[in-house]
Amino acid sequence: MTQKYRVGQKIKIIEVKSEYGHPKYPEIQDYVNETGIILDFIASMQGIEGTTLEGKEYAQQYLYNIRIDRDGTILEAVTEDALAALDE
């Protein structure tokens, strides 16, 4: 799996709800609908829910560091599902 976004790309922070209708990422809730730019990213390996580490069932996940346009705040480790591309 390759990352969806590239360094320097313009993005928008979007709201993601949990299965119960609550914000999935409350730590970035104040930045929903803000725009920014991707500074860098890391690939993270995450165990798939319901499996064990011994089972070696992993999913690769990309986490992005983003500089918010409005005030220069840097958000760290934002997941792909909380982002939308503004340019292609």
Protein backbone atom coordinates (compact mmCIF):
# COMPACT_ATOMS: atom_id res chain seq x y z
CA MET A 1 0.00 0.00 0.00
CA THR A 2 1.39 3.40 -0.93
CA GLN A 3 0.64 6.67 0.75
CA LYS A 4 -2.28 8.73 -0.59
CA TYR A 5 -0.63 12.11 -0.05
CA ARG A 6 2.79 13.55 -0.90
CA VAL A 7 5.06 16.04 0.83
CA GLY A 8 4.05 19.58 -0.14
CA GLN A 9 0.48 18.63 -1.04
CA LYS A 10 -2.37 20.91 0.07
CA ILE A 11 -4.98 19.12 2.20
CA LYS A 12 -8.07 19.77 4.27
CA ILE A 13 -8.69 18.24 7.70
CA ILE A 14 -12.02 16.39 7.68
CA GLU A 15 -14.14 15.04 10.50
CA VAL A 16 -14.20 11.28 10.97
CA LYS A 17 -16.90 9.74 13.15
CA SER A 18 -16.62 6.53 15.14
CA GLU A 19 -19.18 3.79 14.72
CA TYR A 20 -21.07 5.43 17.60
CA GLY A 21 -21.20 8.86 15.96
CA HIS A 22 -18.50 10.47 18.10
CA PRO A 23 -15.37 12.13 16.72
CA LYS A 24 -12.85 9.38 15.99
CA TYR A 25 -9.89 11.74 16.45
CA PRO A 26 -10.84 14.26 19.16
CA GLU A 27 -7.26 15.57 19.30
CA ILE A 28 -7.69 17.23 15.87
CA GLN A 29 -11.35 18.22 16.22
CA ASP A 30 -10.45 21.91 16.58
CA TYR A 31 -8.82 21.77 13.12
CA VAL A 32 -11.67 20.19 11.14
CA ASN A 33 -12.21 22.14 7.88
CA GLU A 34 -8.81 23.84 8.18
CA THR A 35 -6.40 23.62 5.26
CA GLY A 36 -2.71 22.91 5.41
CA ILE A 37 0.28 21.35 3.74
CA ILE A 38 1.90 17.94 4.21
CA LEU A 39 5.35 18.38 5.76
CA ASP A 40 6.32 14.71 5.92
CA PHE A 41 4.96 11.28 6.70
CA ILE A 42 5.88 7.96 8.26
CA ALA A 43 4.70 4.45 7.57
CA SER A 44 3.45 2.61 10.62
CA MET A 45 2.65 -1.07 10.97
CA GLN A 46 -0.49 -1.71 12.98
CA GLY A 47 -1.89 -5.04 14.08
CA ILE A 48 -5.28 -5.80 12.60
CA GLU A 49 -8.02 -5.80 15.23
CA GLY A 50 -8.87 -9.25 16.50
CA THR A 51 -5.52 -10.78 15.61
CA THR A 52 -2.40 -11.44 17.61
CA LEU A 53 1.10 -10.26 16.92
CA GLU A 54 2.14 -13.87 16.54
CA GLY A 55 -0.36 -14.19 13.68
CA LYS A 56 1.61 -11.50 11.82
CA GLU A 57 -1.49 -9.89 10.38
CA TYR A 58 -0.57 -6.27 9.99
CA ALA A 59 -1.88 -3.30 8.12
CA GLN A 60 0.39 -0.52 6.96
CA GLN A 61 -0.82 2.93 7.92
CA TYR A 62 0.60 6.31 6.92
CA LEU A 63 0.72 9.14 9.43
CA TYR A 64 1.25 12.72 8.30
CA ASN A 65 2.71 15.85 9.87
CA ILE A 66 0.76 18.87 8.66
CA ARG A 67 1.29 22.63 8.96
CA ILE A 68 -2.04 24.42 9.28
CA ASP A 69 -2.35 27.46 6.99
CA ARG A 70 -4.28 29.66 9.41
CA ASP A 71 -1.75 29.85 12.25
CA GLY A 72 1.21 27.63 11.39
CA THR A 73 0.31 25.00 13.96
CA ILE A 74 1.91 21.64 13.22
CA LEU A 75 -0.30 18.60 13.69
CA GLU A 76 1.62 15.36 14.11
CA ALA A 77 0.67 11.82 13.14
CA VAL A 78 -2.64 12.57 11.40
CA THR A 79 -4.13 9.50 9.70
CA GLU A 80 -5.10 9.40 6.03
CA ASP A 81 -8.81 9.03 6.71
CA ALA A 82 -8.84 12.47 8.38
CA LEU A 83 -7.49 14.20 5.25
CA ALA A 84 -8.83 15.24 1.87
CA ALA A 85 -6.66 16.41 -1.04
CA LEU A 86 -7.16 19.97 -2.28
CA ASP A 87 -4.87 19.56 -5.28
CA GLU A 88 -3.89 16.58 -7.35
